[in-house]
Amino acid sequence: MNATHLPPGDLWVFGYGSLMWRPGFEFAEQRRARIFGYHRSLCVWSWVHRGCPRRPGLVLGLDTGGSCLGMAFRVAGGSRDAVWEYLCEREMATPVYVPRRVRALTGAGAVDAVTFTVDRGHPQYVGEISFERALQVVRGASGRSGANRDYVLQSARMLEKLAVRDLMLRRLASSLA
């Protein structure tokens, strides 16, 4: 998807992982939002931001099925192309994520948003992983954006603020603290 395929006007971005606590772009508004058809999962090997190919980290992805509560950010129309370029550079350092348009339900109504879902056919797709293996990976991985441990702790804190129960992240955070 390139900028010409984006919805017209202001750009809504749906964040479910690090975009919720470190968007990295200016936005005019943010709202709690839920999307359907995808769920948050610690299912992606990070070869760049939280790990490297020799020692990958684990990061969140939007996997098929269910629903996901996250944050929707409204970017003013004048900034949308620059923000989209930034998001593509950040989220698509490797092609494990696929940009998609989604319908995000917020307390003030539904919005058309863009987000990044996981490509299940990509070698970085983990699928399900045991708690023990996830803990081992997260403890030892680090990448361009820092330690995998910090990513998990920040993500768990944000989900706690949103009152989202993610048992894997909560358990990992407790073991890492």
N, C-alpha and C. Protein backbone atom coordinates (compact mmCIF):
# COMPACT_ATOMS: atom_id res chain seq x y z
N MET A 1 0.86 -1.17 0.00
CA MET A 1 0.00 0.00 0.00
C MET A 1 0.90 1.23 0.00
N ASN A 2 0.65 2.13 -0.91
CA ASN A 2 1.39 3.39 -0.89
C ASN A 2 0.45 4.52 -0.50
N ALA A 3 0.99 5.71 -0.40
CA ALA A 3 0.21 6.85 0.10
C ALA A 3 -1.03 7.11 -0.74
N THR A 4 -1.01 6.78 -2.03
CA THR A 4 -2.18 7.02 -2.87
C THR A 4 -3.34 6.07 -2.54
N HIS A 5 -3.06 4.99 -1.82
CA HIS A 5 -4.11 4.04 -1.44
C HIS A 5 -4.68 4.32 -0.05
N LEU A 6 -4.22 5.37 0.59
CA LEU A 6 -4.71 5.71 1.92
C LEU A 6 -6.10 6.34 1.83
N PRO A 7 -6.88 6.21 2.91
CA PRO A 7 -8.18 6.89 2.91
C PRO A 7 -7.98 8.40 2.74
N PRO A 8 -8.92 9.11 2.11
CA PRO A 8 -8.76 10.55 1.90
C PRO A 8 -8.84 11.32 3.23
N GLY A 9 -8.26 12.51 3.24
CA GLY A 9 -8.34 13.39 4.42
C GLY A 9 -7.35 13.00 5.49
N ASP A 10 -7.76 13.20 6.74
CA ASP A 10 -6.90 12.86 7.87
C ASP A 10 -6.61 11.36 7.85
N LEU A 11 -5.45 10.98 8.37
CA LEU A 11 -5.04 9.59 8.43
C LEU A 11 -5.22 9.07 9.85
N TRP A 12 -5.95 7.97 9.99
CA TRP A 12 -6.07 7.28 11.27
C TRP A 12 -5.13 6.08 11.26
N VAL A 13 -4.36 5.94 12.32
CA VAL A 13 -3.40 4.84 12.45
C VAL A 13 -3.80 4.03 13.67
N PHE A 14 -3.95 2.71 13.51
CA PHE A 14 -4.27 1.83 14.63
C PHE A 14 -2.98 1.21 15.16
N GLY A 15 -2.69 1.46 16.43
CA GLY A 15 -1.52 0.89 17.09
C GLY A 15 -1.93 -0.14 18.12
N TYR A 16 -1.18 -1.22 18.19
CA TYR A 16 -1.50 -2.32 19.11
C TYR A 16 -0.29 -2.75 19.94
N GLY A 17 0.90 -2.25 19.61
CA GLY A 17 2.13 -2.60 20.31
C GLY A 17 2.88 -1.33 20.65
N SER A 18 4.12 -1.24 20.19
CA SER A 18 4.95 -0.09 20.55
C SER A 18 4.40 1.24 20.02
N LEU A 19 3.59 1.21 18.98
CA LEU A 19 3.00 2.47 18.50
C LEU A 19 2.10 3.09 19.57
N MET A 20 1.56 2.28 20.47
CA MET A 20 0.69 2.83 21.52
C MET A 20 1.49 3.65 22.52
N TRP A 21 2.68 3.22 22.87
CA TRP A 21 3.46 3.93 23.89
C TRP A 21 4.62 4.74 23.33
N ARG A 22 4.92 4.56 22.04
CA ARG A 22 5.96 5.36 21.39
C ARG A 22 5.59 5.53 19.92
N PRO A 23 4.57 6.38 19.65
CA PRO A 23 4.16 6.51 18.25
C PRO A 23 5.26 7.07 17.35
N GLY A 24 6.02 8.04 17.82
CA GLY A 24 7.10 8.58 17.01
C GLY A 24 6.66 9.59 15.96
N PHE A 25 5.41 10.00 15.99
CA PHE A 25 4.90 10.99 15.05
C PHE A 25 3.90 11.87 15.79
N GLU A 26 3.69 13.07 15.25
CA GLU A 26 2.71 13.98 15.86
C GLU A 26 1.32 13.59 15.40
N PHE A 27 0.39 13.67 16.33
CA PHE A 27 -1.00 13.34 16.01
C PHE A 27 -1.90 14.40 16.62
N ALA A 28 -3.06 14.56 16.02
CA ALA A 28 -4.02 15.57 16.46
C ALA A 28 -4.95 15.03 17.54
N GLU A 29 -5.10 13.71 17.58
CA GLU A 29 -6.06 13.10 18.50
C GLU A 29 -5.71 11.63 18.67
N GLN A 30 -6.02 11.09 19.85
CA GLN A 30 -5.89 9.65 20.05
C GLN A 30 -7.12 9.13 20.78
N ARG A 31 -7.52 7.91 20.43
CA ARG A 31 -8.70 7.29 21.03
C ARG A 31 -8.45 5.80 21.24
N ARG A 32 -9.03 5.26 22.32
CA ARG A 32 -9.07 3.80 22.46
C ARG A 32 -9.88 3.28 21.30
N ALA A 33 -9.45 2.17 20.73
CA ALA A 33 -10.16 1.64 19.57
C ALA A 33 -10.06 0.12 19.55
N ARG A 34 -11.05 -0.50 18.93
CA ARG A 34 -11.05 -1.96 18.77
C ARG A 34 -11.24 -2.29 17.29
N ILE A 35 -10.45 -3.25 16.83
CA ILE A 35 -10.64 -3.78 15.48
C ILE A 35 -11.03 -5.25 15.60
N PHE A 36 -11.68 -5.75 14.56
CA PHE A 36 -12.11 -7.14 14.53
C PHE A 36 -11.43 -7.86 13.37
N GLY A 37 -11.23 -9.16 13.55
CA GLY A 37 -10.59 -9.97 12.51
C GLY A 37 -9.12 -10.24 12.80
N TYR A 38 -8.57 -9.56 13.80
CA TYR A 38 -7.16 -9.72 14.18
C TYR A 38 -7.03 -9.64 15.70
N HIS A 39 -6.02 -10.33 16.23
CA HIS A 39 -5.73 -10.25 17.65
C HIS A 39 -4.23 -10.00 17.85
N ARG A 40 -3.90 -9.39 18.96
CA ARG A 40 -2.51 -9.09 19.33
C ARG A 40 -1.84 -10.40 19.77
N SER A 41 -0.63 -10.63 19.28
CA SER A 41 0.10 -11.85 19.64
C SER A 41 1.60 -11.58 19.60
N LEU A 42 2.30 -12.18 20.53
CA LEU A 42 3.77 -12.11 20.53
C LEU A 42 4.23 -13.19 19.54
N CYS A 43 4.20 -12.85 18.26
CA CYS A 43 4.33 -13.87 17.22
C CYS A 43 5.33 -13.52 16.12
N VAL A 44 6.18 -12.52 16.35
CA VAL A 44 7.10 -12.08 15.30
C VAL A 44 8.53 -12.08 15.83
N TRP A 45 9.42 -12.75 15.09
CA TRP A 45 10.85 -12.64 15.39
C TRP A 45 11.32 -11.26 14.95
N SER A 46 11.96 -10.54 15.84
CA SER A 46 12.49 -9.21 15.50
C SER A 46 13.95 -9.36 15.10
N TRP A 47 14.23 -9.07 13.84
CA TRP A 47 15.60 -9.16 13.32
C TRP A 47 16.29 -7.80 13.28
N VAL A 48 15.54 -6.72 13.57
CA VAL A 48 16.09 -5.38 13.45
C VAL A 48 15.93 -4.59 14.75
N HIS A 49 14.69 -4.29 15.15
CA HIS A 49 14.45 -3.35 16.24
C HIS A 49 14.71 -3.91 17.63
N ARG A 50 14.38 -5.17 17.89
CA ARG A 50 14.55 -5.74 19.23
C ARG A 50 15.36 -7.02 19.23
N GLY A 51 16.10 -7.24 18.16
CA GLY A 51 16.97 -8.40 18.02
C GLY A 51 17.75 -8.29 16.74
N CYS A 52 18.42 -9.37 16.36
CA CYS A 52 19.17 -9.41 15.11
C CYS A 52 19.02 -10.83 14.55
N PRO A 53 19.40 -11.05 13.31
CA PRO A 53 19.20 -12.39 12.73
C PRO A 53 19.87 -13.51 13.54
N ARG A 54 21.03 -13.25 14.12
CA ARG A 54 21.71 -14.29 14.91
C ARG A 54 21.05 -14.52 16.27
N ARG A 55 20.43 -13.48 16.83
CA ARG A 55 19.74 -13.59 18.12
C ARG A 55 18.47 -12.74 18.06
N PRO A 56 17.44 -13.29 17.42
CA PRO A 56 16.21 -12.51 17.26
C PRO A 56 15.48 -12.28 18.57
N GLY A 57 14.75 -11.16 18.60
CA GLY A 57 13.87 -10.87 19.71
C GLY A 57 12.45 -11.28 19.34
N LEU A 58 11.52 -11.01 20.23
CA LEU A 58 10.10 -11.29 20.00
C LEU A 58 9.31 -10.00 20.13
N VAL A 59 8.46 -9.73 19.15
CA VAL A 59 7.62 -8.54 19.20
C VAL A 59 6.18 -8.91 18.84
N LEU A 60 5.30 -7.97 19.07
CA LEU A 60 3.88 -8.19 18.83
C LEU A 60 3.54 -8.06 17.35
N GLY A 61 2.53 -8.81 16.96
CA GLY A 61 1.97 -8.70 15.62
C GLY A 61 0.46 -8.83 15.71
N LEU A 62 -0.22 -8.39 14.70
CA LEU A 62 -1.66 -8.61 14.59
C LEU A 62 -1.84 -9.88 13.76
N ASP A 63 -2.30 -10.94 14.42
CA ASP A 63 -2.50 -12.23 13.76
C ASP A 63 -3.99 -12.40 13.48
N THR A 64 -4.33 -13.29 12.59
CA THR A 64 -5.72 -13.44 12.17
C THR A 64 -6.62 -13.99 13.27
N GLY A 65 -7.85 -13.52 13.28
CA GLY A 65 -8.88 -14.00 14.19
C GLY A 65 -9.06 -13.12 15.41
N GLY A 66 -10.28 -13.08 15.92
CA GLY A 66 -10.56 -12.38 17.16
C GLY A 66 -10.70 -10.88 16.99
N SER A 67 -10.29 -10.16 18.05
CA SER A 67 -10.35 -8.70 18.03
C SER A 67 -9.18 -8.17 18.84
N CYS A 68 -8.93 -6.89 18.70
CA CYS A 68 -7.79 -6.27 19.38
C CYS A 68 -8.17 -4.86 19.83
N LEU A 69 -7.92 -4.59 21.11
CA LEU A 69 -8.10 -3.25 21.65
C LEU A 69 -6.75 -2.55 21.63
N GLY A 70 -6.71 -1.37 21.06
CA GLY A 70 -5.48 -0.59 20.98
C GLY A 70 -5.79 0.89 20.97
N MET A 71 -4.95 1.64 20.27
CA MET A 71 -5.13 3.09 20.18
C MET A 71 -5.20 3.49 18.71
N ALA A 72 -6.12 4.41 18.43
CA ALA A 72 -6.22 5.00 17.09
C ALA A 72 -5.71 6.43 17.20
N PHE A 73 -4.82 6.79 16.31
CA PHE A 73 -4.22 8.13 16.28
C PHE A 73 -4.67 8.83 15.00
N ARG A 74 -5.17 10.06 15.15
CA ARG A 74 -5.57 10.85 13.97
C ARG A 74 -4.43 11.79 13.61
N VAL A 75 -3.97 11.66 12.38
CA VAL A 75 -2.92 12.51 11.85
C VAL A 75 -3.56 13.49 10.89
N ALA A 76 -3.30 14.78 11.09
CA ALA A 76 -3.87 15.81 10.23
C ALA A 76 -3.44 15.58 8.78
N GLY A 77 -4.36 15.87 7.86
CA GLY A 77 -4.13 15.62 6.44
C GLY A 77 -2.82 16.16 5.90
N GLY A 78 -2.38 17.32 6.38
CA GLY A 78 -1.14 17.92 5.89
C GLY A 78 0.11 17.13 6.27
N SER A 79 0.00 16.27 7.27
CA SER A 79 1.15 15.47 7.72
C SER A 79 1.06 14.01 7.31
N ARG A 80 -0.05 13.62 6.73
CA ARG A 80 -0.30 12.20 6.49
C ARG A 80 0.75 11.51 5.64
N ASP A 81 1.21 12.12 4.55
CA ASP A 81 2.18 11.44 3.69
C ASP A 81 3.51 11.25 4.40
N ALA A 82 3.95 12.26 5.14
CA ALA A 82 5.22 12.14 5.89
C ALA A 82 5.09 11.09 6.99
N VAL A 83 3.96 11.06 7.68
CA VAL A 83 3.76 10.06 8.74
C VAL A 83 3.68 8.67 8.13
N TRP A 84 2.99 8.53 7.00
CA TRP A 84 2.90 7.23 6.35
C TRP A 84 4.29 6.74 5.95
N GLU A 85 5.11 7.63 5.41
CA GLU A 85 6.48 7.26 5.03
C GLU A 85 7.27 6.80 6.26
N TYR A 86 7.14 7.55 7.36
CA TYR A 86 7.80 7.17 8.61
C TYR A 86 7.34 5.79 9.08
N LEU A 87 6.02 5.55 9.07
CA LEU A 87 5.48 4.28 9.53
C LEU A 87 5.96 3.11 8.68
N CYS A 88 5.99 3.30 7.39
CA CYS A 88 6.48 2.23 6.50
C CYS A 88 7.95 1.91 6.78
N GLU A 89 8.74 2.95 6.99
CA GLU A 89 10.16 2.74 7.30
C GLU A 89 10.31 2.01 8.64
N ARG A 90 9.54 2.41 9.61
CA ARG A 90 9.63 1.83 10.96
C ARG A 90 9.08 0.40 11.01
N GLU A 91 7.88 0.22 10.50
CA GLU A 91 7.19 -1.07 10.64
C GLU A 91 7.60 -2.10 9.60
N MET A 92 8.14 -1.64 8.50
CA MET A 92 8.46 -2.58 7.43
C MET A 92 9.96 -2.63 7.15
N ALA A 93 10.75 -2.61 8.24
CA ALA A 93 12.20 -2.78 8.10
C ALA A 93 12.49 -4.11 7.40
N THR A 94 11.63 -5.09 7.63
CA THR A 94 11.59 -6.33 6.86
C THR A 94 10.12 -6.52 6.47
N PRO A 95 9.83 -7.34 5.47
CA PRO A 95 8.44 -7.45 5.01
C PRO A 95 7.57 -8.43 5.81
N VAL A 96 7.81 -8.58 7.10
CA VAL A 96 6.98 -9.46 7.93
C VAL A 96 5.61 -8.86 8.19
N TYR A 97 5.49 -7.53 8.10
CA TYR A 97 4.20 -6.87 8.31
C TYR A 97 3.60 -6.44 6.98
N VAL A 98 2.29 -6.51 6.92
CA VAL A 98 1.54 -6.11 5.73
C VAL A 98 0.65 -4.94 6.12
N PRO A 99 0.77 -3.79 5.45
CA PRO A 99 -0.14 -2.68 5.76
C PRO A 99 -1.55 -3.00 5.30
N ARG A 100 -2.52 -2.67 6.15
CA ARG A 100 -3.93 -2.94 5.84
C ARG A 100 -4.81 -1.78 6.30
N ARG A 101 -5.91 -1.64 5.60
CA ARG A 101 -6.95 -0.72 6.05
C ARG A 101 -7.92 -1.51 6.91
N VAL A 102 -8.29 -0.95 8.05
CA VAL A 102 -9.22 -1.61 8.97
C VAL A 102 -10.25 -0.61 9.45
N ARG A 103 -11.34 -1.14 9.95
CA ARG A 103 -12.38 -0.32 10.58
C ARG A 103 -12.13 -0.38 12.08
N ALA A 104 -11.87 0.75 12.70
CA ALA A 104 -11.58 0.82 14.13
C ALA A 104 -12.77 1.46 14.84
N LEU A 105 -13.30 0.76 15.83
CA LEU A 105 -14.44 1.27 16.60
C LEU A 105 -13.92 2.02 17.81
N THR A 106 -14.33 3.28 17.93
CA THR A 106 -13.92 4.11 19.06
C THR A 106 -15.16 4.57 19.82
N GLY A 107 -14.97 5.15 20.99
CA GLY A 107 -16.09 5.67 21.77
C GLY A 107 -16.83 6.79 21.06
N ALA A 108 -16.17 7.43 20.09
CA ALA A 108 -16.80 8.54 19.36
C ALA A 108 -17.21 8.12 17.95
N GLY A 109 -17.26 6.81 17.70
CA GLY A 109 -17.66 6.32 16.39
C GLY A 109 -16.55 5.56 15.70
N ALA A 110 -16.89 4.96 14.57
CA ALA A 110 -15.94 4.16 13.80
C ALA A 110 -15.11 5.06 12.89
N VAL A 111 -13.85 4.65 12.69
CA VAL A 111 -12.96 5.36 11.78
C VAL A 111 -12.27 4.34 10.87
N ASP A 112 -11.96 4.76 9.66
CA ASP A 112 -11.14 3.95 8.76
C ASP A 112 -9.69 4.22 9.11
N ALA A 113 -8.95 3.17 9.41
CA ALA A 113 -7.57 3.33 9.86
C ALA A 113 -6.64 2.42 9.07
N VAL A 114 -5.36 2.68 9.19
CA VAL A 114 -4.34 1.78 8.65
C VAL A 114 -3.62 1.14 9.82
N THR A 115 -3.17 -0.08 9.60
CA THR A 115 -2.40 -0.80 10.62
C THR A 115 -1.48 -1.77 9.89
N PHE A 116 -0.73 -2.52 10.66
CA PHE A 116 0.22 -3.49 10.09
C PHE A 116 -0.07 -4.86 10.69
N THR A 117 -0.42 -5.82 9.84
CA THR A 117 -0.71 -7.18 10.27
C THR A 117 0.46 -8.08 9.91
N VAL A 118 0.54 -9.23 10.55
CA VAL A 118 1.65 -10.14 10.32
C VAL A 118 1.39 -11.00 9.07
N ASP A 119 2.45 -11.25 8.33
CA ASP A 119 2.40 -12.16 7.18
C ASP A 119 2.77 -13.55 7.70
N ARG A 120 1.79 -14.43 7.81
CA ARG A 120 2.01 -15.77 8.35
C ARG A 120 2.96 -16.61 7.50
N GLY A 121 3.18 -16.23 6.26
CA GLY A 121 4.09 -16.98 5.39
C GLY A 121 5.53 -16.51 5.46
N HIS A 122 5.79 -15.45 6.20
CA HIS A 122 7.14 -14.89 6.30
C HIS A 122 7.97 -15.67 7.31
N PRO A 123 9.27 -15.85 7.07
CA PRO A 123 10.12 -16.60 8.02
C PRO A 123 10.18 -16.00 9.43
N GLN A 124 9.82 -14.73 9.59
CA GLN A 124 9.84 -14.12 10.92
C GLN A 124 8.56 -14.43 11.72
N TYR A 125 7.60 -15.06 11.09
CA TYR A 125 6.37 -15.41 11.81
C TYR A 125 6.67 -16.58 12.74
N VAL A 126 6.40 -16.39 14.03
CA VAL A 126 6.68 -17.40 15.05
C VAL A 126 5.50 -18.33 15.24
N GLY A 127 4.30 -17.79 15.17
CA GLY A 127 3.13 -18.57 15.55
C GLY A 127 3.07 -18.61 17.06
N GLU A 128 2.60 -19.72 17.61
CA GLU A 128 2.54 -19.85 19.07
C GLU A 128 3.91 -20.25 19.60
N ILE A 129 4.24 -19.72 20.78
CA ILE A 129 5.52 -19.99 21.41
C ILE A 129 5.28 -20.23 22.90
N SER A 130 6.03 -21.12 23.48
CA SER A 130 5.85 -21.41 24.90
C SER A 130 6.36 -20.24 25.74
N PHE A 131 5.82 -20.12 26.94
CA PHE A 131 6.27 -19.08 27.85
C PHE A 131 7.77 -19.21 28.13
N GLU A 132 8.24 -20.40 28.38
CA GLU A 132 9.65 -20.62 28.71
C GLU A 132 10.57 -20.17 27.57
N ARG A 133 10.20 -20.51 26.35
CA ARG A 133 11.01 -20.11 25.18
C ARG A 133 10.94 -18.60 24.99
N ALA A 134 9.77 -18.03 25.14
CA ALA A 134 9.61 -16.57 24.99
C ALA A 134 10.47 -15.84 26.01
N LEU A 135 10.45 -16.29 27.25
CA LEU A 135 11.25 -15.65 28.31
C LEU A 135 12.74 -15.73 27.99
N GLN A 136 13.18 -16.87 27.53
CA GLN A 136 14.59 -17.06 27.16
C GLN A 136 14.98 -16.08 26.04
N VAL A 137 14.15 -15.97 25.04
CA VAL A 137 14.43 -15.08 23.91
C VAL A 137 14.46 -13.62 24.36
N VAL A 138 13.43 -13.21 25.07
CA VAL A 138 13.29 -11.80 25.47
C VAL A 138 14.44 -11.37 26.39
N ARG A 139 14.86 -12.24 27.27
CA ARG A 139 15.96 -11.91 28.20
C ARG A 139 17.26 -11.60 27.48
N GLY A 140 17.50 -12.25 26.34
CA GLY A 140 18.81 -12.11 25.71
C GLY A 140 18.88 -11.30 24.44
N ALA A 141 17.76 -10.78 23.97
CA ALA A 141 17.75 -10.11 22.66
C ALA A 141 17.81 -8.59 22.80
N SER A 142 18.46 -7.98 21.83
CA SER A 142 18.55 -6.53 21.75
C SER A 142 18.77 -6.14 20.29
N GLY A 143 18.23 -4.99 19.90
CA GLY A 143 18.36 -4.55 18.52
C GLY A 143 18.50 -3.05 18.42
N ARG A 144 18.26 -2.53 17.23
CA ARG A 144 18.42 -1.11 16.94
C ARG A 144 17.62 -0.21 17.89
N SER A 145 16.44 -0.65 18.30
CA SER A 145 15.57 0.16 19.16
C SER A 145 15.72 -0.18 20.65
N GLY A 146 16.65 -1.06 20.98
CA GLY A 146 16.92 -1.36 22.39
C GLY A 146 16.66 -2.80 22.76
N ALA A 147 16.66 -3.03 24.07
CA ALA A 147 16.51 -4.38 24.61
C ALA A 147 15.08 -4.88 24.44
N ASN A 148 14.97 -6.16 24.09
CA ASN A 148 13.67 -6.80 23.96
C ASN A 148 12.92 -6.76 25.29
N ARG A 149 13.64 -6.89 26.37
CA ARG A 149 13.06 -6.83 27.72
C ARG A 149 12.29 -5.53 27.91
N ASP A 150 12.88 -4.40 27.52
CA ASP A 150 12.23 -3.10 27.67
C ASP A 150 10.95 -3.01 26.84
N TYR A 151 10.99 -3.57 25.63
CA TYR A 151 9.81 -3.59 24.75
C TYR A 151 8.65 -4.33 25.44
N VAL A 152 8.94 -5.50 26.00
CA VAL A 152 7.91 -6.29 26.65
C VAL A 152 7.36 -5.56 27.88
N LEU A 153 8.26 -4.99 28.69
CA LEU A 153 7.81 -4.27 29.89
C LEU A 153 6.95 -3.06 29.54
N GLN A 154 7.36 -2.27 28.56
CA GLN A 154 6.58 -1.10 28.14
C GLN A 154 5.22 -1.51 27.56
N SER A 155 5.22 -2.55 26.74
CA SER A 155 3.97 -3.02 26.15
C SER A 155 3.01 -3.52 27.23
N ALA A 156 3.53 -4.27 28.19
CA ALA A 156 2.69 -4.77 29.29
C ALA A 156 2.12 -3.62 30.12
N ARG A 157 2.94 -2.60 30.38
CA ARG A 157 2.45 -1.43 31.13
C ARG A 157 1.32 -0.73 30.40
N MET A 158 1.49 -0.56 29.09
CA MET A 158 0.47 0.12 28.30
C MET A 158 -0.83 -0.67 28.30
N LEU A 159 -0.73 -1.98 28.14
CA LEU A 159 -1.94 -2.80 28.14
C LEU A 159 -2.63 -2.77 29.50
N GLU A 160 -1.84 -2.70 30.55
CA GLU A 160 -2.42 -2.58 31.89
C GLU A 160 -3.19 -1.27 32.02
N LYS A 161 -2.64 -0.17 31.50
CA LYS A 161 -3.34 1.12 31.52
C LYS A 161 -4.67 1.06 30.78
N LEU A 162 -4.70 0.28 29.70
CA LEU A 162 -5.91 0.15 28.91
C LEU A 162 -6.86 -0.92 29.47
N ALA A 163 -6.45 -1.57 30.56
CA ALA A 163 -7.23 -2.65 31.19
C ALA A 163 -7.41 -3.83 30.23
N VAL A 164 -6.35 -4.11 29.46
CA VAL A 164 -6.35 -5.26 28.55
C VAL A 164 -5.60 -6.40 29.22
N ARG A 165 -6.24 -7.56 29.28
CA ARG A 165 -5.61 -8.73 29.90
C ARG A 165 -4.88 -9.54 28.83
N ASP A 166 -3.57 -9.50 28.86
CA ASP A 166 -2.74 -10.32 27.98
C ASP A 166 -1.87 -11.16 28.92
N LEU A 167 -2.28 -12.40 29.12
CA LEU A 167 -1.63 -13.24 30.13
C LEU A 167 -0.16 -13.49 29.82
N MET A 168 0.19 -13.72 28.56
CA MET A 168 1.59 -13.97 28.20
C MET A 168 2.45 -12.75 28.52
N LEU A 169 2.03 -11.56 28.07
CA LEU A 169 2.82 -10.35 28.33
C LEU A 169 2.90 -10.05 29.83
N ARG A 170 1.80 -10.21 30.52
CA ARG A 170 1.79 -9.95 31.97
C ARG A 170 2.75 -10.89 32.69
N ARG A 171 2.71 -12.16 32.33
CA ARG A 171 3.60 -13.15 32.96
C ARG A 171 5.07 -12.88 32.62
N LEU A 172 5.34 -12.55 31.37
CA LEU A 172 6.70 -12.20 30.96
C LEU A 172 7.19 -10.98 31.73
N ALA A 173 6.35 -9.94 31.81
CA ALA A 173 6.74 -8.72 32.51
C ALA A 173 7.04 -9.02 33.97
N SER A 174 6.23 -9.83 34.61
CA SER A 174 6.47 -10.19 36.02
C SER A 174 7.81 -10.92 36.19
N SER A 175 8.13 -11.77 35.25
CA SER A 175 9.39 -12.53 35.31
C SER A 175 10.61 -11.67 34.98
N LEU A 176 10.41 -10.60 34.23
CA LEU A 176 11.52 -9.73 33.81
C LEU A 176 11.77 -8.59 34.78
N ALA A 177 10.78 -8.24 35.59
CA ALA A 177 10.89 -7.08 36.48
C ALA A 177 11.87 -7.31 37.61
